Amino acid sequence: MTDSAIYTSLLREKLAVIIRNVSSSDMPLLFDALDRAGARFTEVTMNTEGAERSISAMREKYDGRIYVGAGTVLTLGRLREALAAGAQYIVTPNTNPEVIRHCAERGILVIPGAMTPSEIAAATAHGATMIKLFPANSLGAGYLKELSGPFAGVKFFPVGGITLENIPDFLRAGAVGFGIGGSICNLGLISQGKFGEIEKAAVQYVQAAKAVI
């Protein structure tokens, strides 16, 4: 049984901020900006240097305010490392049965990446909480709408090329939330210390994801 508090909160917030290749030293300022913007879900990718250290530190500092998940979890080994670091939910770019089952058996919210009907069916059968439709923008909102027939009841979480402009289309097509990376966590802005700009972008996406369509 998936952690109901995290699951319910994600359905309400509809937005997870993907944090990739951000240094451990920049994480506190980035999280401060996201916190001020009202972003309540973050996903530190496991191919980010020092990911485990950042997950642990941010989980401790923001516990109760921001959920800290782990992304780009490709193997069971990396999953165990993410969970040991304190990751509260798991996101993958692919459909790995071992990773999905390990989470499902322990009540951990897991959002595996899937693109084809066969991948979606397999991920759901192994216990996926939601489906990360990836790469979403390449597939388009029309693709998601067409999936809603054979996969009625499956909760789709589009990731990849999501913008302020296409969020309404995906919401109308049935998306329950979105993963947003560089459009919020712009590495150029981070390197220049422009966390106020990061905050402004995050506010826009937080509001767009919750818009009534």
N, C-alpha and C. Protein backbone atom coordinates (compact mmCIF):
# COMPACT_ATOMS: atom_id res chain seq x y z
N MET A 1 0.86 -1.19 0.00
CA MET A 1 0.00 0.00 0.00
C MET A 1 0.89 1.24 0.00
N THR A 2 0.73 2.10 -0.99
CA THR A 2 1.55 3.29 -1.10
C THR A 2 1.26 4.27 0.03
N ASP A 3 2.31 4.94 0.51
CA ASP A 3 2.17 5.96 1.54
C ASP A 3 1.07 6.95 1.11
N SER A 4 -0.05 6.94 1.83
CA SER A 4 -1.21 7.71 1.40
C SER A 4 -1.00 9.21 1.53
N ALA A 5 -0.22 9.65 2.52
CA ALA A 5 -0.01 11.08 2.72
C ALA A 5 0.76 11.68 1.55
N ILE A 6 1.82 11.00 1.12
CA ILE A 6 2.62 11.49 0.00
C ILE A 6 1.78 11.44 -1.29
N TYR A 7 1.09 10.34 -1.48
CA TYR A 7 0.27 10.16 -2.69
C TYR A 7 -0.80 11.25 -2.79
N THR A 8 -1.52 11.47 -1.70
CA THR A 8 -2.57 12.48 -1.69
C THR A 8 -1.99 13.87 -1.91
N SER A 9 -0.86 14.15 -1.30
CA SER A 9 -0.22 15.46 -1.45
C SER A 9 0.23 15.70 -2.88
N LEU A 10 0.77 14.67 -3.53
CA LEU A 10 1.23 14.83 -4.90
C LEU A 10 0.06 15.07 -5.85
N LEU A 11 -1.03 14.38 -5.62
CA LEU A 11 -2.23 14.60 -6.45
C LEU A 11 -2.76 16.02 -6.26
N ARG A 12 -2.58 16.56 -5.07
CA ARG A 12 -3.04 17.93 -4.81
C ARG A 12 -2.07 18.96 -5.40
N GLU A 13 -0.79 18.74 -5.23
CA GLU A 13 0.22 19.72 -5.67
C GLU A 13 0.45 19.66 -7.18
N LYS A 14 0.42 18.46 -7.76
CA LYS A 14 0.53 18.23 -9.20
C LYS A 14 1.87 18.65 -9.81
N LEU A 15 2.88 18.83 -9.01
CA LEU A 15 4.15 19.30 -9.56
C LEU A 15 5.32 18.75 -8.76
N ALA A 16 6.28 18.16 -9.47
CA ALA A 16 7.54 17.74 -8.85
C ALA A 16 8.67 18.44 -9.60
N VAL A 17 9.54 19.09 -8.87
CA VAL A 17 10.66 19.82 -9.47
C VAL A 17 11.85 18.87 -9.57
N ILE A 18 12.32 18.66 -10.79
CA ILE A 18 13.45 17.75 -11.04
C ILE A 18 14.75 18.52 -10.90
N ILE A 19 15.62 18.03 -10.01
CA ILE A 19 16.89 18.70 -9.72
C ILE A 19 18.02 17.80 -10.20
N ARG A 20 18.70 18.27 -11.24
CA ARG A 20 19.77 17.48 -11.84
C ARG A 20 21.04 18.32 -11.97
N ASN A 21 22.16 17.73 -11.59
CA ASN A 21 23.48 18.37 -11.74
C ASN A 21 23.61 19.69 -10.99
N VAL A 22 22.93 19.78 -9.86
CA VAL A 22 23.08 20.94 -8.98
C VAL A 22 24.03 20.54 -7.85
N SER A 23 25.02 21.37 -7.58
CA SER A 23 26.02 21.04 -6.56
C SER A 23 25.40 21.05 -5.17
N SER A 24 26.01 20.28 -4.28
CA SER A 24 25.54 20.21 -2.90
C SER A 24 25.56 21.59 -2.24
N SER A 25 26.52 22.41 -2.63
CA SER A 25 26.63 23.74 -2.02
C SER A 25 25.50 24.67 -2.46
N ASP A 26 24.93 24.43 -3.64
CA ASP A 26 23.83 25.26 -4.13
C ASP A 26 22.46 24.75 -3.69
N MET A 27 22.39 23.51 -3.21
CA MET A 27 21.10 22.92 -2.86
C MET A 27 20.33 23.74 -1.82
N PRO A 28 20.97 24.21 -0.72
CA PRO A 28 20.18 24.95 0.27
C PRO A 28 19.50 26.19 -0.29
N LEU A 29 20.23 26.98 -1.10
CA LEU A 29 19.64 28.18 -1.69
C LEU A 29 18.55 27.84 -2.69
N LEU A 30 18.75 26.74 -3.44
CA LEU A 30 17.73 26.30 -4.39
C LEU A 30 16.47 25.87 -3.65
N PHE A 31 16.62 25.08 -2.62
CA PHE A 31 15.46 24.62 -1.86
C PHE A 31 14.76 25.78 -1.16
N ASP A 32 15.52 26.76 -0.70
CA ASP A 32 14.91 27.95 -0.10
C ASP A 32 14.00 28.64 -1.11
N ALA A 33 14.50 28.77 -2.36
CA ALA A 33 13.71 29.42 -3.41
C ALA A 33 12.45 28.62 -3.72
N LEU A 34 12.60 27.30 -3.81
CA LEU A 34 11.44 26.45 -4.10
C LEU A 34 10.44 26.48 -2.96
N ASP A 35 10.93 26.53 -1.74
CA ASP A 35 10.06 26.61 -0.57
C ASP A 35 9.25 27.89 -0.60
N ARG A 36 9.91 29.01 -0.89
CA ARG A 36 9.20 30.29 -0.96
C ARG A 36 8.16 30.29 -2.07
N ALA A 37 8.45 29.56 -3.15
CA ALA A 37 7.53 29.50 -4.29
C ALA A 37 6.34 28.58 -4.06
N GLY A 38 6.42 27.79 -3.02
CA GLY A 38 5.32 26.86 -2.74
C GLY A 38 5.44 25.53 -3.43
N ALA A 39 6.63 25.20 -3.93
CA ALA A 39 6.86 23.90 -4.56
C ALA A 39 7.10 22.88 -3.45
N ARG A 40 6.27 21.86 -3.37
CA ARG A 40 6.31 20.93 -2.24
C ARG A 40 6.89 19.56 -2.58
N PHE A 41 7.21 19.32 -3.85
CA PHE A 41 7.81 18.05 -4.24
C PHE A 41 9.07 18.32 -5.05
N THR A 42 10.16 17.68 -4.66
CA THR A 42 11.42 17.78 -5.40
C THR A 42 11.93 16.38 -5.68
N GLU A 43 12.69 16.28 -6.74
CA GLU A 43 13.25 14.99 -7.16
C GLU A 43 14.73 15.20 -7.50
N VAL A 44 15.61 14.75 -6.63
CA VAL A 44 17.05 14.85 -6.88
C VAL A 44 17.47 13.62 -7.67
N THR A 45 17.98 13.82 -8.87
CA THR A 45 18.33 12.67 -9.71
C THR A 45 19.59 11.99 -9.19
N MET A 46 19.60 10.68 -9.28
CA MET A 46 20.70 9.90 -8.72
C MET A 46 21.98 9.98 -9.56
N ASN A 47 21.92 10.60 -10.74
CA ASN A 47 23.16 10.82 -11.50
C ASN A 47 23.72 12.22 -11.25
N THR A 48 23.19 12.88 -10.23
CA THR A 48 23.76 14.15 -9.77
C THR A 48 24.86 13.84 -8.75
N GLU A 49 26.00 14.48 -8.90
CA GLU A 49 27.11 14.23 -7.98
C GLU A 49 26.69 14.57 -6.55
N GLY A 50 26.94 13.64 -5.65
CA GLY A 50 26.56 13.85 -4.25
C GLY A 50 25.08 13.77 -3.99
N ALA A 51 24.34 13.05 -4.87
CA ALA A 51 22.88 12.99 -4.74
C ALA A 51 22.44 12.48 -3.37
N GLU A 52 23.05 11.41 -2.91
CA GLU A 52 22.65 10.84 -1.62
C GLU A 52 22.84 11.84 -0.49
N ARG A 53 23.96 12.54 -0.50
CA ARG A 53 24.25 13.54 0.53
C ARG A 53 23.21 14.67 0.49
N SER A 54 22.88 15.11 -0.73
CA SER A 54 21.90 16.19 -0.87
C SER A 54 20.51 15.74 -0.43
N ILE A 55 20.12 14.53 -0.80
CA ILE A 55 18.82 14.01 -0.38
C ILE A 55 18.73 13.98 1.14
N SER A 56 19.75 13.47 1.79
CA SER A 56 19.75 13.37 3.25
C SER A 56 19.68 14.75 3.91
N ALA A 57 20.50 15.67 3.41
CA ALA A 57 20.55 17.01 4.01
C ALA A 57 19.25 17.77 3.81
N MET A 58 18.70 17.72 2.60
CA MET A 58 17.47 18.45 2.32
C MET A 58 16.26 17.81 2.99
N ARG A 59 16.29 16.50 3.10
CA ARG A 59 15.21 15.80 3.80
C ARG A 59 15.18 16.25 5.27
N GLU A 60 16.34 16.34 5.88
CA GLU A 60 16.42 16.74 7.28
C GLU A 60 15.98 18.19 7.47
N LYS A 61 16.45 19.06 6.59
CA LYS A 61 16.16 20.49 6.74
C LYS A 61 14.72 20.84 6.44
N TYR A 62 14.12 20.19 5.45
CA TYR A 62 12.79 20.58 5.00
C TYR A 62 11.71 19.57 5.36
N ASP A 63 12.00 18.67 6.26
CA ASP A 63 11.03 17.65 6.63
C ASP A 63 9.72 18.30 7.08
N GLY A 64 8.62 17.87 6.48
CA GLY A 64 7.33 18.44 6.81
C GLY A 64 6.91 19.58 5.90
N ARG A 65 7.86 20.11 5.10
CA ARG A 65 7.54 21.21 4.19
C ARG A 65 7.72 20.82 2.73
N ILE A 66 8.79 20.08 2.44
CA ILE A 66 9.06 19.65 1.07
C ILE A 66 9.36 18.15 1.06
N TYR A 67 8.68 17.42 0.20
CA TYR A 67 9.00 16.01 0.02
C TYR A 67 10.22 15.90 -0.90
N VAL A 68 11.16 15.07 -0.49
CA VAL A 68 12.40 14.91 -1.27
C VAL A 68 12.45 13.49 -1.83
N GLY A 69 12.32 13.38 -3.14
CA GLY A 69 12.37 12.09 -3.81
C GLY A 69 13.69 11.90 -4.54
N ALA A 70 13.84 10.74 -5.13
CA ALA A 70 15.03 10.43 -5.94
C ALA A 70 14.58 10.09 -7.34
N GLY A 71 15.28 10.64 -8.33
CA GLY A 71 14.96 10.37 -9.72
C GLY A 71 16.10 9.67 -10.44
N THR A 72 15.85 9.27 -11.68
CA THR A 72 16.83 8.54 -12.50
C THR A 72 17.35 7.33 -11.73
N VAL A 73 16.42 6.61 -11.12
CA VAL A 73 16.77 5.40 -10.37
C VAL A 73 16.67 4.23 -11.35
N LEU A 74 17.81 3.81 -11.88
CA LEU A 74 17.83 2.84 -12.97
C LEU A 74 17.99 1.39 -12.51
N THR A 75 18.54 1.18 -11.32
CA THR A 75 18.82 -0.18 -10.87
C THR A 75 18.36 -0.37 -9.43
N LEU A 76 18.27 -1.63 -9.02
CA LEU A 76 17.90 -1.96 -7.65
C LEU A 76 18.95 -1.44 -6.68
N GLY A 77 20.22 -1.49 -7.09
CA GLY A 77 21.29 -0.98 -6.24
C GLY A 77 21.15 0.50 -5.98
N ARG A 78 20.87 1.26 -7.03
CA ARG A 78 20.71 2.71 -6.86
C ARG A 78 19.44 3.02 -6.06
N LEU A 79 18.42 2.17 -6.22
CA LEU A 79 17.21 2.34 -5.43
C LEU A 79 17.52 2.21 -3.94
N ARG A 80 18.28 1.19 -3.59
CA ARG A 80 18.62 0.98 -2.18
C ARG A 80 19.42 2.16 -1.63
N GLU A 81 20.31 2.70 -2.45
CA GLU A 81 21.11 3.86 -2.02
C GLU A 81 20.21 5.08 -1.81
N ALA A 82 19.26 5.26 -2.71
CA ALA A 82 18.34 6.40 -2.59
C ALA A 82 17.49 6.28 -1.33
N LEU A 83 16.99 5.09 -1.06
CA LEU A 83 16.15 4.89 0.12
C LEU A 83 16.96 5.04 1.40
N ALA A 84 18.19 4.56 1.38
CA ALA A 84 19.06 4.70 2.55
C ALA A 84 19.35 6.16 2.85
N ALA A 85 19.38 6.99 1.78
CA ALA A 85 19.63 8.42 1.95
C ALA A 85 18.39 9.15 2.47
N GLY A 86 17.24 8.48 2.40
CA GLY A 86 16.02 9.10 2.92
C GLY A 86 15.02 9.53 1.87
N ALA A 87 15.21 9.12 0.62
CA ALA A 87 14.27 9.49 -0.44
C ALA A 87 12.86 9.04 -0.07
N GLN A 88 11.90 9.94 -0.24
CA GLN A 88 10.53 9.65 0.17
C GLN A 88 9.66 9.08 -0.95
N TYR A 89 10.11 9.23 -2.18
CA TYR A 89 9.44 8.60 -3.31
C TYR A 89 10.46 8.41 -4.42
N ILE A 90 10.12 7.58 -5.39
CA ILE A 90 11.08 7.17 -6.42
C ILE A 90 10.51 7.42 -7.81
N VAL A 91 11.38 7.96 -8.68
CA VAL A 91 11.01 8.18 -10.08
C VAL A 91 12.08 7.56 -10.96
N THR A 92 11.65 6.88 -12.01
CA THR A 92 12.60 6.25 -12.93
C THR A 92 12.30 6.72 -14.36
N PRO A 93 13.29 6.66 -15.25
CA PRO A 93 13.03 7.00 -16.65
C PRO A 93 12.55 5.81 -17.46
N ASN A 94 12.56 4.62 -16.85
CA ASN A 94 12.26 3.39 -17.59
C ASN A 94 11.35 2.49 -16.75
N THR A 95 10.99 1.37 -17.33
CA THR A 95 10.14 0.38 -16.66
C THR A 95 11.01 -0.79 -16.21
N ASN A 96 11.47 -0.71 -14.95
CA ASN A 96 12.31 -1.75 -14.38
C ASN A 96 11.48 -2.52 -13.35
N PRO A 97 11.07 -3.76 -13.66
CA PRO A 97 10.20 -4.51 -12.76
C PRO A 97 10.76 -4.66 -11.34
N GLU A 98 12.08 -4.87 -11.21
CA GLU A 98 12.68 -5.03 -9.89
C GLU A 98 12.49 -3.78 -9.03
N VAL A 99 12.75 -2.65 -9.62
CA VAL A 99 12.64 -1.39 -8.89
C VAL A 99 11.19 -1.13 -8.50
N ILE A 100 10.27 -1.34 -9.44
CA ILE A 100 8.85 -1.09 -9.18
C ILE A 100 8.35 -2.01 -8.07
N ARG A 101 8.65 -3.30 -8.18
CA ARG A 101 8.16 -4.27 -7.18
C ARG A 101 8.74 -3.98 -5.80
N HIS A 102 10.02 -3.65 -5.74
CA HIS A 102 10.67 -3.37 -4.45
C HIS A 102 9.94 -2.23 -3.75
N CYS A 103 9.59 -1.19 -4.50
CA CYS A 103 8.87 -0.06 -3.91
C CYS A 103 7.45 -0.45 -3.53
N ALA A 104 6.76 -1.11 -4.45
CA ALA A 104 5.37 -1.47 -4.21
C ALA A 104 5.22 -2.36 -2.97
N GLU A 105 6.14 -3.28 -2.79
CA GLU A 105 6.08 -4.20 -1.65
C GLU A 105 6.32 -3.49 -0.32
N ARG A 106 6.92 -2.30 -0.36
CA ARG A 106 7.26 -1.56 0.85
C ARG A 106 6.43 -0.30 1.03
N GLY A 107 5.43 -0.13 0.17
CA GLY A 107 4.55 1.01 0.31
C GLY A 107 5.19 2.33 -0.09
N ILE A 108 6.20 2.28 -0.97
CA ILE A 108 6.89 3.49 -1.40
C ILE A 108 6.31 3.96 -2.72
N LEU A 109 5.94 5.21 -2.79
CA LEU A 109 5.39 5.77 -4.03
C LEU A 109 6.44 5.68 -5.12
N VAL A 110 6.09 5.04 -6.22
CA VAL A 110 7.04 4.87 -7.33
C VAL A 110 6.38 5.28 -8.64
N ILE A 111 7.10 6.11 -9.40
CA ILE A 111 6.59 6.61 -10.67
C ILE A 111 7.57 6.22 -11.77
N PRO A 112 7.40 5.05 -12.36
CA PRO A 112 8.32 4.61 -13.41
C PRO A 112 8.01 5.25 -14.75
N GLY A 113 9.06 5.44 -15.54
CA GLY A 113 8.90 5.98 -16.87
C GLY A 113 8.38 4.92 -17.83
N ALA A 114 7.43 5.30 -18.67
CA ALA A 114 6.88 4.39 -19.68
C ALA A 114 6.39 5.22 -20.85
N MET A 115 6.46 4.63 -22.04
CA MET A 115 6.03 5.33 -23.23
C MET A 115 4.99 4.54 -24.01
N THR A 116 5.23 3.26 -24.19
CA THR A 116 4.35 2.44 -25.01
C THR A 116 3.24 1.80 -24.17
N PRO A 117 2.16 1.37 -24.82
CA PRO A 117 1.11 0.66 -24.08
C PRO A 117 1.64 -0.57 -23.34
N SER A 118 2.57 -1.29 -23.95
CA SER A 118 3.12 -2.48 -23.29
C SER A 118 3.90 -2.11 -22.04
N GLU A 119 4.68 -1.03 -22.11
CA GLU A 119 5.43 -0.58 -20.93
C GLU A 119 4.48 -0.10 -19.84
N ILE A 120 3.44 0.62 -20.22
CA ILE A 120 2.47 1.11 -19.25
C ILE A 120 1.76 -0.05 -18.56
N ALA A 121 1.37 -1.04 -19.33
CA ALA A 121 0.70 -2.21 -18.76
C ALA A 121 1.62 -2.97 -17.82
N ALA A 122 2.88 -3.12 -18.21
CA ALA A 122 3.84 -3.84 -17.38
C ALA A 122 4.10 -3.09 -16.08
N ALA A 123 4.31 -1.78 -16.17
CA ALA A 123 4.58 -0.98 -14.98
C ALA A 123 3.41 -1.04 -14.00
N THR A 124 2.21 -0.96 -14.54
CA THR A 124 1.02 -1.02 -13.70
C THR A 124 0.89 -2.38 -13.04
N ALA A 125 1.15 -3.43 -13.79
CA ALA A 125 1.05 -4.80 -13.26
C ALA A 125 2.04 -5.04 -12.13
N HIS A 126 3.20 -4.41 -12.20
CA HIS A 126 4.23 -4.61 -11.17
C HIS A 126 4.02 -3.72 -9.95
N GLY A 127 3.04 -2.80 -10.01
CA GLY A 127 2.70 -2.03 -8.82
C GLY A 127 3.00 -0.55 -8.88
N ALA A 128 3.18 0.01 -10.07
CA ALA A 128 3.46 1.44 -10.19
C ALA A 128 2.32 2.26 -9.60
N THR A 129 2.68 3.31 -8.86
CA THR A 129 1.67 4.19 -8.28
C THR A 129 1.09 5.10 -9.35
N MET A 130 1.98 5.67 -10.15
CA MET A 130 1.63 6.52 -11.28
C MET A 130 2.55 6.14 -12.42
N ILE A 131 2.27 6.66 -13.59
CA ILE A 131 3.12 6.42 -14.75
C ILE A 131 3.74 7.73 -15.21
N LYS A 132 5.05 7.76 -15.25
CA LYS A 132 5.76 8.91 -15.80
C LYS A 132 5.74 8.77 -17.32
N LEU A 133 4.84 9.51 -17.97
CA LEU A 133 4.78 9.46 -19.43
C LEU A 133 5.96 10.26 -19.97
N PHE A 134 6.90 9.56 -20.58
CA PHE A 134 8.17 10.17 -20.96
C PHE A 134 8.66 9.61 -22.29
N PRO A 135 9.09 10.49 -23.21
CA PRO A 135 9.16 11.96 -23.14
C PRO A 135 7.85 12.60 -23.57
N ALA A 136 7.22 13.32 -22.67
CA ALA A 136 5.84 13.77 -22.87
C ALA A 136 5.67 14.70 -24.05
N ASN A 137 6.51 15.70 -24.18
CA ASN A 137 6.30 16.68 -25.24
C ASN A 137 6.48 16.05 -26.62
N SER A 138 7.39 15.10 -26.73
CA SER A 138 7.58 14.42 -28.01
C SER A 138 6.35 13.59 -28.38
N LEU A 139 5.69 13.04 -27.38
CA LEU A 139 4.49 12.23 -27.62
C LEU A 139 3.26 13.11 -27.81
N GLY A 140 3.16 14.18 -27.03
CA GLY A 140 2.06 15.12 -27.17
C GLY A 140 0.86 14.79 -26.31
N ALA A 141 0.06 15.82 -26.02
CA ALA A 141 -1.13 15.65 -25.19
C ALA A 141 -2.15 14.74 -25.87
N GLY A 142 -2.18 14.75 -27.20
CA GLY A 142 -3.11 13.88 -27.92
C GLY A 142 -2.84 12.41 -27.66
N TYR A 143 -1.57 12.07 -27.52
CA TYR A 143 -1.19 10.69 -27.23
C TYR A 143 -1.72 10.28 -25.86
N LEU A 144 -1.56 11.18 -24.88
CA LEU A 144 -2.08 10.89 -23.55
C LEU A 144 -3.59 10.70 -23.57
N LYS A 145 -4.28 11.54 -24.30
CA LYS A 145 -5.73 11.42 -24.37
C LYS A 145 -6.15 10.08 -24.96
N GLU A 146 -5.42 9.62 -25.97
CA GLU A 146 -5.74 8.34 -26.59
C GLU A 146 -5.49 7.17 -25.65
N LEU A 147 -4.53 7.33 -24.75
CA LEU A 147 -4.25 6.26 -23.78
C LEU A 147 -5.35 6.12 -22.74
N SER A 148 -6.12 7.19 -22.53
CA SER A 148 -7.11 7.18 -21.46
C SER A 148 -8.22 6.16 -21.70
N GLY A 149 -8.41 5.72 -22.95
CA GLY A 149 -9.41 4.70 -23.22
C GLY A 149 -9.00 3.34 -22.67
N PRO A 150 -7.94 2.74 -23.21
CA PRO A 150 -7.53 1.43 -22.73
C PRO A 150 -6.94 1.44 -21.32
N PHE A 151 -6.47 2.61 -20.88
CA PHE A 151 -5.84 2.67 -19.54
C PHE A 151 -6.62 3.60 -18.61
N ALA A 152 -7.91 3.49 -18.66
CA ALA A 152 -8.76 4.28 -17.76
C ALA A 152 -8.40 3.95 -16.31
N GLY A 153 -8.22 4.97 -15.52
CA GLY A 153 -7.86 4.76 -14.11
C GLY A 153 -6.38 4.86 -13.84
N VAL A 154 -5.54 4.73 -14.88
CA VAL A 154 -4.10 4.89 -14.69
C VAL A 154 -3.79 6.38 -14.54
N LYS A 155 -2.99 6.73 -13.57
CA LYS A 155 -2.65 8.13 -13.32
C LYS A 155 -1.34 8.46 -14.03
N PHE A 156 -1.44 9.35 -15.00
CA PHE A 156 -0.28 9.71 -15.82
C PHE A 156 0.34 11.02 -15.34
N PHE A 157 1.67 11.00 -15.26
CA PHE A 157 2.46 12.11 -14.76
C PHE A 157 3.48 12.49 -15.85
N PRO A 158 3.10 13.34 -16.80
CA PRO A 158 3.98 13.65 -17.92
C PRO A 158 5.27 14.37 -17.50
N VAL A 159 6.35 13.97 -18.13
CA VAL A 159 7.67 14.57 -17.87
C VAL A 159 8.41 14.67 -19.20
N GLY A 160 9.13 15.77 -19.38
CA GLY A 160 9.93 15.93 -20.59
C GLY A 160 9.34 16.96 -21.52
N GLY A 161 9.90 18.16 -21.51
CA GLY A 161 9.41 19.21 -22.40
C GLY A 161 8.10 19.83 -21.97
N ILE A 162 7.76 19.73 -20.69
CA ILE A 162 6.53 20.36 -20.19
C ILE A 162 6.79 21.86 -20.02
N THR A 163 5.87 22.67 -20.56
CA THR A 163 6.01 24.12 -20.50
C THR A 163 4.73 24.76 -19.96
N LEU A 164 4.82 26.04 -19.66
CA LEU A 164 3.62 26.77 -19.23
C LEU A 164 2.55 26.74 -20.32
N GLU A 165 3.00 26.69 -21.57
CA GLU A 165 2.07 26.71 -22.69
C GLU A 165 1.35 25.39 -22.89
N ASN A 166 2.03 24.25 -22.65
CA ASN A 166 1.36 22.97 -22.93
C ASN A 166 0.75 22.30 -21.70
N ILE A 167 0.99 22.85 -20.52
CA ILE A 167 0.37 22.28 -19.32
C ILE A 167 -1.16 22.20 -19.45
N PRO A 168 -1.86 23.25 -19.91
CA PRO A 168 -3.33 23.13 -20.04
C PRO A 168 -3.77 21.99 -20.94
N ASP A 169 -3.04 21.77 -22.04
CA ASP A 169 -3.39 20.68 -22.95
C ASP A 169 -3.26 19.33 -22.27
N PHE A 170 -2.19 19.15 -21.51
CA PHE A 170 -1.99 17.88 -20.82
C PHE A 170 -3.01 17.69 -19.68
N LEU A 171 -3.36 18.76 -19.00
CA LEU A 171 -4.39 18.65 -17.96
C LEU A 171 -5.72 18.24 -18.57
N ARG A 172 -6.08 18.84 -19.71
CA ARG A 172 -7.33 18.47 -20.38
C ARG A 172 -7.29 17.02 -20.87
N ALA A 173 -6.11 16.53 -21.18
CA ALA A 173 -5.96 15.16 -21.67
C ALA A 173 -5.98 14.14 -20.54
N GLY A 174 -5.93 14.63 -19.29
CA GLY A 174 -6.04 13.72 -18.16
C GLY A 174 -4.83 13.59 -17.26
N ALA A 175 -3.79 14.41 -17.45
CA ALA A 175 -2.61 14.35 -16.60
C ALA A 175 -2.97 14.69 -15.16
N VAL A 176 -2.36 13.98 -14.21
CA VAL A 176 -2.61 14.26 -12.79
C VAL A 176 -1.51 15.11 -12.19
N GLY A 177 -0.44 15.35 -12.95
CA GLY A 177 0.67 16.15 -12.45
C GLY A 177 1.80 16.16 -13.45
N PHE A 178 2.88 16.85 -13.09
CA PHE A 178 3.98 17.05 -14.02
C PHE A 178 5.33 17.04 -13.30
N GLY A 179 6.36 16.60 -14.01
CA GLY A 179 7.72 16.77 -13.57
C GLY A 179 8.36 17.86 -14.41
N ILE A 180 8.96 18.86 -13.75
CA ILE A 180 9.57 19.99 -14.45
C ILE A 180 11.02 20.10 -14.03
N GLY A 181 11.92 20.16 -15.01
CA GLY A 181 13.34 20.24 -14.70
C GLY A 181 13.93 21.61 -14.97
N GLY A 182 14.62 21.72 -16.12
CA GLY A 182 15.38 22.92 -16.43
C GLY A 182 14.59 24.20 -16.54
N SER A 183 13.30 24.11 -16.79
CA SER A 183 12.50 25.33 -16.87
C SER A 183 12.39 26.02 -15.52
N ILE A 184 12.60 25.26 -14.46
CA ILE A 184 12.65 25.84 -13.10
C ILE A 184 14.09 25.87 -12.61
N CYS A 185 14.73 24.72 -12.59
CA CYS A 185 16.11 24.63 -12.09
C CYS A 185 17.10 24.90 -13.21
N ASN A 186 17.10 26.14 -13.67
CA ASN A 186 17.98 26.56 -14.75
C ASN A 186 19.42 26.65 -14.23
N LEU A 187 20.30 25.81 -14.76
CA LEU A 187 21.67 25.75 -14.24
C LEU A 187 22.42 27.06 -14.45
N GLY A 188 22.10 27.78 -15.53
CA GLY A 188 22.73 29.07 -15.77
C GLY A 188 22.38 30.07 -14.68
N LEU A 189 21.10 30.13 -14.32
CA LEU A 189 20.67 31.03 -13.26
C LEU A 189 21.27 30.64 -11.92
N ILE A 190 21.33 29.33 -11.68
CA ILE A 190 21.91 28.85 -10.42
C ILE A 190 23.37 29.24 -10.32
N SER A 191 24.11 29.07 -11.41
CA SER A 191 25.54 29.40 -11.40
C SER A 191 25.78 30.89 -11.16
N GLN A 192 24.79 31.71 -11.54
CA GLN A 192 24.90 33.16 -11.33
C GLN A 192 24.29 33.60 -10.00
N GLY A 193 23.79 32.65 -9.25
CA GLY A 193 23.21 32.98 -7.96
C GLY A 193 21.87 33.70 -8.05
N LYS A 194 21.18 33.55 -9.18
CA LYS A 194 19.91 34.26 -9.38
C LYS A 194 18.73 33.40 -8.91
N PHE A 195 18.71 33.17 -7.61
CA PHE A 195 17.67 32.29 -7.07
C PHE A 195 16.31 32.97 -7.01
N GLY A 196 16.29 34.30 -7.07
CA GLY A 196 15.03 35.01 -7.17
C GLY A 196 14.33 34.69 -8.48
N GLU A 197 15.12 34.53 -9.56
CA GLU A 197 14.54 34.16 -10.86
C GLU A 197 14.02 32.73 -10.83
N ILE A 198 14.75 31.87 -10.14
CA ILE A 198 14.29 30.48 -9.97
C ILE A 198 12.94 30.47 -9.24
N GLU A 199 12.86 31.27 -8.20
CA GLU A 199 11.61 31.34 -7.43
C GLU A 199 10.45 31.82 -8.30
N LYS A 200 10.68 32.84 -9.12
CA LYS A 200 9.62 33.35 -9.99
C LYS A 200 9.12 32.29 -10.96
N ALA A 201 10.07 31.56 -11.55
CA ALA A 201 9.69 30.49 -12.48
C ALA A 201 8.89 29.40 -11.76
N ALA A 202 9.34 29.04 -10.57
CA ALA A 202 8.66 28.00 -9.81
C ALA A 202 7.23 28.41 -9.46
N VAL A 203 7.05 29.67 -9.09
CA VAL A 203 5.71 30.17 -8.78
C VAL A 203 4.78 30.01 -9.98
N GLN A 204 5.29 30.34 -11.16
CA GLN A 204 4.47 30.23 -12.37
C GLN A 204 4.03 28.80 -12.62
N TYR A 205 4.95 27.85 -12.44
CA TYR A 205 4.62 26.45 -12.67
C TYR A 205 3.72 25.88 -11.59
N VAL A 206 3.94 26.29 -10.36
CA VAL A 206 3.07 25.85 -9.27
C VAL A 206 1.63 26.27 -9.56
N GLN A 207 1.46 27.50 -9.99
CA GLN A 207 0.13 28.01 -10.29
C GLN A 207 -0.48 27.35 -11.52
N ALA A 208 0.34 27.15 -12.56
CA ALA A 208 -0.16 26.54 -13.80
C ALA A 208 -0.62 25.10 -13.58
N ALA A 209 0.11 24.36 -12.77
CA ALA A 209 -0.22 22.96 -12.54
C ALA A 209 -1.55 22.81 -11.80
N LYS A 210 -1.86 23.82 -10.97
CA LYS A 210 -3.09 23.74 -10.18
C LYS A 210 -4.27 24.44 -10.83
N ALA A 211 -4.07 24.95 -12.03
CA ALA A 211 -5.13 25.69 -12.71
C ALA A 211 -6.34 24.79 -12.98
N VAL A 212 -7.51 25.38 -12.88
CA VAL A 212 -8.74 24.66 -13.19
C VAL A 212 -9.00 24.76 -14.69
N ILE A 213 -9.05 23.63 -15.35
CA ILE A 213 -9.21 23.60 -16.81
C ILE A 213 -10.66 23.29 -17.17
